[in-house]
Amino acid sequence: MIKGSIVALITPFDEEGNVNYKRLRELISWHAAEGTDAVLVLGTTGETPALSDEEQEKIVAVAVEESGGKIPIIANSGNNNTEKSLAKSIKYEKMGVDGLLVITPYYNKPNKSGMIEHFYKIADNVNIPVYIYNVPARTGICIDVDIVAELSKHRNIAGIKEASGDMSYVAKLSGLISDDFSIYSGNDDITIALMSMGAAGAVSVWANLMPKAVHQMTTAYLEGRTAEARKMQLEHLNLINALFCETNPVPIKTIMNMAGMQVGGCRLPLGAISSANRRVLAGLLENLDL
């Protein structure tokens, strides 16, 4: 069971818009040194829909090689085509990832039986942890808590990245699952609130910029220092909210570049951030001790 801060890693690009694999290696090593508890590649923050299959596979290969066992690597293998998701899952497992993130099928809007069978088909054919990804704002569908409870009984389905932002949903889910099934906050602004209802940590966008802070905050809560964790959450709330002032990962990559981290821009259809939002991020960056 992974606990604490899982960074939803950005995909760095060079000036020509190609994947910057050298920078990717540096970022993974940096996260290992800063205390990040696991790295997720090819997630929403990683701009996966804008990456070719070849780029996705090379990112996974580079991440696994660079981690060298120092930090767990989770790869997003989700797709709204079950067979494609299964093929990616099997391939990434063979490449050496430590876990798989599988999104609820988007656009298709599967019924209950289809949703269950989708995850079962993947989990039945791999031998590493599978994490459900619930993000209705992106997919147009929120997986029912009773379906998650059913899926949680599978030996290979280990947890859920919960990004609905619905506290009531998490409260209901927490009462239906066992202790060996993990909930991870997919919303940086409510990480500590979700941990108060049993979440094991966060899959964090914010951790791209401040990995040590997110690790320290989640660790503080897990170790019973709840007041300290709550204080850190509230202290950084303005920054966290600003990181979602436009579509993720536009703001996080913008502020990382402002901080000299050289991660490149976003690929279309994600464009440059507005001048007004750039000024907001610049103002927040001035007050950060990085």
Protein backbone atom coordinates (compact mmCIF):
# COMPACT_ATOMS: atom_id res chain seq x y z
CA MET A 1 0.00 0.00 0.00
CA ILE A 2 1.40 3.38 -1.05
CA LYS A 3 0.76 6.17 1.43
CA GLY A 4 1.49 9.88 1.20
CA SER A 5 2.25 11.94 -1.89
CA ILE A 6 2.01 10.48 -5.39
CA VAL A 7 3.00 13.11 -7.95
CA ALA A 8 0.87 13.27 -11.09
CA LEU A 9 3.96 14.02 -13.15
CA ILE A 10 3.93 16.51 -16.00
CA THR A 11 5.45 15.45 -19.32
CA PRO A 12 8.36 17.78 -20.12
CA PHE A 13 8.80 18.99 -23.68
CA ASP A 14 11.76 20.67 -25.36
CA GLU A 15 11.65 23.86 -27.41
CA GLU A 16 10.54 21.93 -30.51
CA GLY A 17 7.69 20.27 -28.63
CA ASN A 18 9.31 16.84 -28.42
CA VAL A 19 9.27 14.84 -25.18
CA ASN A 20 12.34 15.85 -23.19
CA TYR A 21 13.43 12.47 -21.85
CA LYS A 22 16.57 13.89 -20.24
CA ARG A 23 14.44 16.30 -18.22
CA LEU A 24 12.04 13.47 -17.39
CA ARG A 25 14.90 11.51 -15.84
CA GLU A 26 15.98 14.53 -13.83
CA LEU A 27 12.45 15.11 -12.52
CA ILE A 28 12.05 11.49 -11.39
CA SER A 29 15.39 11.56 -9.57
CA TRP A 30 14.46 14.89 -7.98
CA HIS A 31 11.15 13.51 -6.70
CA ALA A 32 12.91 10.51 -5.20
CA ALA A 33 15.33 12.83 -3.41
CA GLU A 34 12.58 15.19 -2.23
CA GLY A 35 10.58 12.44 -0.54
CA THR A 36 7.75 11.93 -3.02
CA ASP A 37 6.24 8.54 -2.25
CA ALA A 38 5.43 7.44 -5.82
CA VAL A 39 5.38 8.83 -9.37
CA LEU A 40 2.41 8.59 -11.72
CA VAL A 41 3.27 8.96 -15.41
CA LEU A 42 0.88 9.36 -18.34
CA GLY A 43 -1.92 10.80 -16.23
CA THR A 44 -4.13 13.78 -16.99
CA THR A 45 -1.31 16.11 -15.90
CA GLY A 46 1.01 14.24 -18.26
CA GLU A 47 -1.06 15.24 -21.32
CA THR A 48 -1.43 11.60 -22.33
CA PRO A 49 -4.10 12.19 -25.04
CA ALA A 50 -1.55 14.35 -26.90
CA LEU A 51 1.18 11.67 -26.79
CA SER A 52 1.71 8.96 -29.39
CA ASP A 53 1.71 5.32 -28.33
CA GLU A 54 5.46 5.22 -28.97
CA GLU A 55 6.04 8.25 -26.75
CA GLN A 56 3.90 6.77 -23.99
CA GLU A 57 5.86 3.51 -24.02
CA LYS A 58 9.20 5.32 -23.98
CA ILE A 59 8.08 7.50 -21.06
CA VAL A 60 7.20 4.36 -19.11
CA ALA A 61 10.53 2.72 -20.02
CA VAL A 62 12.53 5.80 -19.01
CA ALA A 63 10.59 6.20 -15.76
CA VAL A 64 11.11 2.58 -14.73
CA GLU A 65 14.79 2.68 -15.62
CA GLU A 66 15.45 5.99 -13.89
CA SER A 67 13.56 5.03 -10.74
CA GLY A 68 15.86 2.05 -10.27
CA GLY A 69 13.60 0.82 -7.51
CA LYS A 70 14.12 4.03 -5.51
CA ILE A 71 10.53 5.16 -5.99
CA PRO A 72 7.42 3.28 -7.20
CA ILE A 73 6.24 4.04 -10.73
CA ILE A 74 2.54 3.94 -11.56
CA ALA A 75 1.50 4.21 -15.22
CA ASN A 76 -1.88 5.24 -16.55
CA SER A 77 -3.08 2.49 -18.87
CA GLY A 78 -6.72 3.54 -18.98
CA ASN A 79 -8.80 3.88 -22.12
CA ASN A 80 -12.46 3.86 -23.07
CA ASN A 81 -11.67 0.83 -25.24
CA THR A 82 -11.33 -2.13 -22.87
CA GLU A 83 -9.08 -4.15 -25.15
CA LYS A 84 -6.71 -1.22 -25.67
CA SER A 85 -6.57 -0.61 -21.94
CA LEU A 86 -5.89 -4.31 -21.33
CA ALA A 87 -3.09 -4.40 -23.90
CA LYS A 88 -1.42 -1.33 -22.38
CA SER A 89 -1.79 -2.75 -18.88
CA ILE A 90 -0.13 -6.04 -19.80
CA LYS A 91 2.65 -4.25 -21.68
CA TYR A 92 3.39 -1.78 -18.89
CA GLU A 93 3.48 -4.57 -16.32
CA LYS A 94 6.06 -6.40 -18.42
CA MET A 95 8.06 -3.16 -18.64
CA GLY A 96 8.32 -3.12 -14.85
CA VAL A 97 5.83 -0.59 -13.48
CA ASP A 98 4.69 -1.03 -9.90
CA GLY A 99 1.02 -0.21 -10.47
CA LEU A 100 -1.58 0.83 -13.04
CA LEU A 101 -4.06 3.70 -13.04
CA VAL A 102 -7.21 2.89 -15.01
CA ILE A 103 -9.74 5.60 -15.71
CA THR A 104 -13.49 5.00 -15.83
CA PRO A 105 -14.38 4.62 -19.53
CA TYR A 106 -15.24 8.04 -20.96
CA TYR A 107 -17.76 8.85 -23.70
CA ASN A 108 -19.12 5.27 -23.79
CA LYS A 109 -20.91 5.84 -20.45
CA PRO A 110 -20.98 2.14 -19.53
CA ASN A 111 -23.79 0.60 -17.51
CA LYS A 112 -23.12 -1.11 -14.18
CA SER A 113 -22.30 -4.55 -15.57
CA GLY A 114 -20.05 -3.08 -18.26
CA MET A 115 -18.17 -0.92 -15.77
CA ILE A 116 -17.49 -3.88 -13.51
CA GLU A 117 -16.41 -6.15 -16.35
CA HIS A 118 -14.11 -3.47 -17.76
CA PHE A 119 -12.08 -3.33 -14.56
CA TYR A 120 -12.29 -7.07 -13.95
CA LYS A 121 -10.90 -7.84 -17.40
CA ILE A 122 -7.83 -5.73 -16.71
CA ALA A 123 -7.34 -6.81 -13.09
CA ASP A 124 -7.78 -10.50 -13.98
CA ASN A 125 -4.90 -10.33 -16.44
CA VAL A 126 -2.21 -8.52 -14.48
CA ASN A 127 -0.41 -9.22 -11.22
CA ILE A 128 0.27 -5.68 -10.00
CA PRO A 129 -2.04 -3.23 -8.21
CA VAL A 130 -4.76 -1.56 -10.28
CA TYR A 131 -6.09 1.83 -9.17
CA ILE A 132 -9.45 3.11 -10.35
CA TYR A 133 -9.47 6.73 -11.55
CA ASN A 134 -12.74 8.57 -10.94
CA VAL A 135 -12.79 12.05 -12.51
CA PRO A 136 -16.32 12.84 -13.69
CA ALA A 137 -15.45 16.39 -14.80
CA ARG A 138 -13.24 14.83 -17.49
CA THR A 139 -15.13 11.64 -18.30
CA GLY A 140 -18.79 12.63 -17.94
CA ILE A 141 -19.45 9.72 -15.60
CA CYS A 142 -19.02 9.14 -11.87
CA ILE A 143 -18.51 5.53 -10.86
CA ASP A 144 -21.13 4.50 -8.30
CA VAL A 145 -19.88 3.82 -4.78
CA ASP A 146 -21.48 0.38 -4.79
CA ILE A 147 -19.52 -0.50 -7.95
CA VAL A 148 -16.28 0.64 -6.30
CA ALA A 149 -17.14 -1.42 -3.23
CA GLU A 150 -17.68 -4.47 -5.44
CA LEU A 151 -14.44 -3.88 -7.38
CA SER A 152 -12.48 -3.38 -4.15
CA LYS A 153 -12.96 -7.08 -3.36
CA HIS A 154 -10.79 -8.07 -6.33
CA ARG A 155 -7.31 -9.18 -5.25
CA ASN A 156 -5.59 -6.84 -7.74
CA ILE A 157 -7.76 -3.72 -7.43
CA ALA A 158 -5.96 -1.82 -4.70
CA GLY A 159 -7.47 1.65 -4.57
CA ILE A 160 -9.07 4.65 -6.22
CA LYS A 161 -7.88 8.08 -7.24
CA GLU A 162 -10.98 10.04 -6.28
CA ALA A 163 -11.25 13.35 -8.15
CA SER A 164 -14.96 14.11 -8.06
CA GLY A 165 -14.51 16.75 -5.37
CA ASP A 166 -17.63 15.36 -3.67
CA MET A 167 -17.02 14.91 0.05
CA SER A 168 -20.31 13.05 0.47
CA TYR A 169 -19.18 10.52 -2.14
CA VAL A 170 -15.97 9.83 -0.21
CA ALA A 171 -17.86 9.53 3.09
CA LYS A 172 -20.19 6.92 1.59
CA LEU A 173 -17.31 5.06 -0.03
CA SER A 174 -15.25 4.98 3.16
CA GLY A 175 -18.02 3.11 4.91
CA LEU A 176 -18.15 0.38 2.27
CA ILE A 177 -14.52 -0.59 1.72
CA SER A 178 -11.99 -2.57 3.74
CA ASP A 179 -8.72 -1.27 5.15
CA ASP A 180 -6.67 -2.87 2.37
CA PHE A 181 -8.31 -0.69 -0.31
CA SER A 182 -6.85 2.81 -0.54
CA ILE A 183 -8.51 6.11 -1.39
CA TYR A 184 -6.27 8.86 -2.78
CA SER A 185 -7.33 12.46 -3.09
CA GLY A 186 -7.29 13.63 -6.69
CA ASN A 187 -8.00 17.23 -5.66
CA ASP A 188 -5.13 19.11 -4.04
CA ASP A 189 -7.43 21.59 -2.30
CA ILE A 190 -9.18 18.94 -0.18
CA THR A 191 -6.42 16.39 0.45
CA ILE A 192 -6.48 16.74 4.24
CA ALA A 193 -10.28 16.72 4.29
CA LEU A 194 -10.26 13.41 2.42
CA MET A 195 -7.55 12.00 4.66
CA SER A 196 -9.78 12.79 7.64
CA MET A 197 -12.22 10.29 6.11
CA GLY A 198 -9.58 7.63 5.59
CA ALA A 199 -7.70 8.57 2.42
CA ALA A 200 -4.12 7.29 2.32
CA GLY A 201 -2.74 10.36 0.60
CA ALA A 202 -2.95 12.26 -2.65
CA VAL A 203 -2.24 12.00 -6.35
CA SER A 204 -1.01 15.56 -6.56
CA VAL A 205 -0.54 18.18 -9.25
CA TRP A 206 0.87 20.61 -6.69
CA ALA A 207 3.68 18.13 -5.92
CA ASN A 208 5.21 18.90 -9.32
CA LEU A 209 6.28 22.26 -7.90
CA MET A 210 6.64 21.54 -4.17
CA PRO A 211 7.16 17.79 -3.69
CA LYS A 212 8.70 18.07 -0.24
CA ALA A 213 5.79 20.15 1.07
CA VAL A 214 3.15 17.70 -0.16
CA HIS A 215 5.09 14.77 1.27
CA GLN A 216 5.50 16.54 4.61
CA MET A 217 1.82 17.51 4.76
CA THR A 218 0.49 14.03 4.04
CA THR A 219 3.06 12.41 6.31
CA ALA A 220 2.13 14.76 9.14
CA TYR A 221 -1.49 13.68 8.89
CA LEU A 222 -0.62 9.98 8.69
CA GLU A 223 1.55 10.34 11.79
CA GLY A 224 -1.22 11.99 13.78
CA ARG A 225 0.02 15.57 13.52
CA THR A 226 -3.32 16.68 12.14
CA ALA A 227 -3.11 20.34 13.16
CA GLU A 228 0.23 20.69 11.38
CA ALA A 229 -1.16 19.04 8.24
CA ARG A 230 -4.26 21.22 8.27
CA LYS A 231 -2.13 24.35 8.65
CA MET A 232 -0.01 23.42 5.62
CA GLN A 233 -3.10 22.74 3.53
CA LEU A 234 -4.61 26.12 4.36
CA GLU A 235 -1.33 28.02 3.99
CA HIS A 236 -0.99 26.88 0.39
CA LEU A 237 -4.64 27.00 -0.61
CA ASN A 238 -4.33 30.16 -2.72
CA LEU A 239 -1.50 28.59 -4.70
CA ILE A 240 -3.35 25.30 -5.10
CA ASN A 241 -6.46 27.06 -6.37
CA ALA A 242 -4.36 29.09 -8.82
CA LEU A 243 -2.91 25.86 -10.23
CA PHE A 244 -6.41 25.12 -11.52
CA CYS A 245 -7.30 28.59 -12.78
CA GLU A 246 -7.18 27.10 -16.29
CA THR A 247 -7.19 23.56 -17.59
CA ASN A 248 -4.58 21.35 -15.92
CA PRO A 249 -1.63 21.17 -16.67
CA VAL A 250 -1.45 24.65 -18.22
CA PRO A 251 -0.99 26.53 -14.90
CA ILE A 252 1.39 24.02 -13.25
CA LYS A 253 3.71 23.93 -16.27
CA THR A 254 3.58 27.72 -16.49
CA ILE A 255 4.65 28.26 -12.88
CA MET A 256 7.30 25.51 -13.11
CA ASN A 257 8.83 27.30 -16.07
CA MET A 258 8.67 30.60 -14.17
CA ALA A 259 10.60 28.87 -11.38
CA GLY A 260 13.31 27.84 -13.85
CA MET A 261 12.35 24.18 -14.05
CA GLN A 262 12.35 24.09 -17.87
CA VAL A 263 9.50 21.71 -18.55
CA GLY A 264 8.28 23.29 -21.78
CA GLY A 265 4.78 24.27 -22.79
CA CYS A 266 1.68 22.18 -23.40
CA ARG A 267 0.75 20.47 -26.62
CA LEU A 268 -2.35 21.53 -28.50
CA PRO A 269 -5.23 21.57 -27.97
CA LEU A 270 -3.99 23.12 -24.71
CA GLY A 271 -2.80 26.66 -25.37
CA ALA A 272 -0.83 29.28 -23.47
CA ILE A 273 -2.16 30.70 -20.21
CA SER A 274 -3.85 34.12 -20.19
CA SER A 275 -1.83 37.20 -19.25
CA ALA A 276 -4.02 37.81 -16.21
CA ASN A 277 -3.53 34.32 -14.84
CA ARG A 278 0.19 34.46 -15.58
CA ARG A 279 0.44 37.56 -13.38
CA VAL A 280 -1.41 35.78 -10.57
CA LEU A 281 1.01 32.86 -10.71
CA ALA A 282 4.00 35.19 -10.83
CA GLY A 283 2.79 36.97 -7.70
CA LEU A 284 2.32 33.71 -5.84
CA LEU A 285 5.73 32.44 -6.92
CA GLU A 286 7.43 35.50 -5.40
CA ASN A 287 6.24 34.44 -1.95
CA LEU A 288 7.38 30.82 -2.21
CA ASP A 289 10.59 29.49 -0.73
CA LEU A 290 11.64 26.93 -3.31
